Structures are given as C-alpha cells and as structure tokens.
Amino acid sequence: MRVLFAGTPAVAVPSLNALVEAGFDVVAVLTRPDAPIGRKRVLTPSPVAARAAELGIDVIHAARIDAEAIGRISAVSPDVAAIVAYGGLVPPAALGIPRHGWINLHFSLLPSWRGAAPVQRAVMAGDDVTGAVTFQLEEGLDTGPVFGTLTETVGPEDTAGELLDRLSRSGAVLLAQTLSAIDAGKAAALPQTGEISLAPKLALDDGRLDWKHPALAIDRQARGVTPEPGAWTVLDGQRIKLEPVRLRPDVSGLAPGSLSAQGKSVFVGTGSHGVELTRMQPAGKKMMAAADWARGMASLESVVFE
C-alpha cells in the first residue's frame, strides 16, 4: 500500500519509523517548512523532514495544504495518508485523494480532548487515564470514526512531554496495525461515543501560575505545560521560568506567592498548602536549582511571586 505520511514534530517520527519498518511503501512525507531555531534563528528542517531525508523519502514542504501541495500529493498517488501532528488542517479537496482517505493518530481517547493539545489538557485536568486512537479524518475537528484505541495511565509526576513521548511510541504501533488492517480489508471504524471535550493549542499565558489556586491545580498546570510553553511566574516585573513543582502538604502558613527556605528546599505558598520549587530560570540566566537561586537572594521574607 502506497502511503503518504504527514507529520512535523519529534513525536511523529516514531510513527514514520514504524510504517517503514512494517514494510509500507512510504512514497512521500508532507511536513511544515524549515523553521528558525535557537538564538541565532538558524533555519532547521522539522524532525520528520530530517528523518525522511535519512530514509531517502521525498519531502513535500507546506505550511498549509494549498493547491500546490494538493497537486504534489496527487502526483505521488497514495492509497492512504497517515497523519500525526502535521500542524495544519487538511482541506476537503485533499481528503479524497487517497482511496482509503486520511488516517489520523491522535493522542487522546476521542471524543475527549479534540484539538491541538490533548495530552497537555489531559494532564492539566488531572485525568488518571488517557491514550491514543486512530481515526478516519473528516472535515470536522477530530470527529471521524475510530479504528483502534490504546490506553495509558497518567502518573502523578508525569509531565505532558513524558506522557506524549510514551504515547508517540505506543501510538506508532497502533498506526501501523491500523494501516495493515485497512490493507487487508479487515478494518472497521466505529462512531465516537461519550462526552466531548476540547483541547485548544496552548499559549504562553497558559503557563503562568496563579498562586491563589490550590496546590494540586498548580502542580497539574505546571506538569501540563512542560516542556512547552513552560510554567512561569513574575517577580519584580520579570518572568521566571519554572520546572514542575512538588506537592508539600506538610508546609502550611505561607500566603499565596510567598516564599520560604529550609535547608535545600524552597517553598511557595498557594491557595491550599505549600509546594516545593525544583528548578527555575530567572530572566537572562540559565536554568538552576531553586536552592541555588535562593542563596543568591538577600532575603526570601520579602519575596512574593505575582
């Protein structure tokens, strides 16, 4: 079966690898254009484009699937398109090109968390279990019938990045199994059932911690936005980046945003009990242990995170 693979970030690379290893004829890769990376803003291929180059697969670069991209997709005559975190909408004119349509690997248990940030939103919401599905792409937002499902437990210390890494590897196996079943004529897609929730793309402000919130909510938010866009707070008008905190129900008496230090531990008050800072990055400096940052402060008694 001739496969067009559409994907952009590192989490899509395991799926590309899995399809190649399963023996599918990946005739082309569709990915977003090279993007400026780092302080020097060096134009860099997407992780999927880089892996396709290593595999000797032709690459179609497209910020959106316009008439030119549709023409190039048609030219490779795919039987099916597999899509994993491509980063753009597939227009109706492209949906009908492969005879088996587009099969999307999505990192949630649809219809829960339809949208661009399903893993992040699941962690932020405190879900105990999430997963991944393969489904038939339609014009609606993640509305198509489901071919296959897998589940994954959300650990109490999982960040969105860690959870997404696990799902990207198990989901790659699911995607290859789904395409094999389609190729064999044994695939059956079932309509989605259950409660719908939406997972819009995260913005920078989604990472700002509100210390008046309960500690558990702050913990979930910080883990959900790690590694991107990252948790942060404000001190003296400057943004400070934070790695996930630790819950410390034994720490009480601190006002929200107030800090105290004990040994090598730095605590912050919340709307409930305290949390312990792990690592932080003040403006213009490198990421450091919270205890190292605290030692550089004259006194923590007057420090309050906004």
Foldseek 3Di string as FASTA:
>chain_A
DEEEEAAFAPLQVLLVVLQVVLPHNDQEYEAAAFWQDDPVGDGHGGPNVVVCVVVVHHYDHDPECDPVNLVVVLVSQGQEYEYEHRPYDDDPSNQVRHVQGYKYKAWFQPLEAFEDQRLLVCLLVPPQKTWIWIFHDDNDGPFGFTFDIDMDGDDPQAASVNVSNVRSNVSSVVVNVQVVCVVVVNTDTHGTDDDHDHHYDDDLVLQEDFQQDDPSSRQSSQRSCPPPPAHWWDWPRWIKGFHHWADDLVADDADRQAWDDDDQWIWGHGNHGIITTAWMGTPPGDIDGPSVVCVVDPDRRPTGID
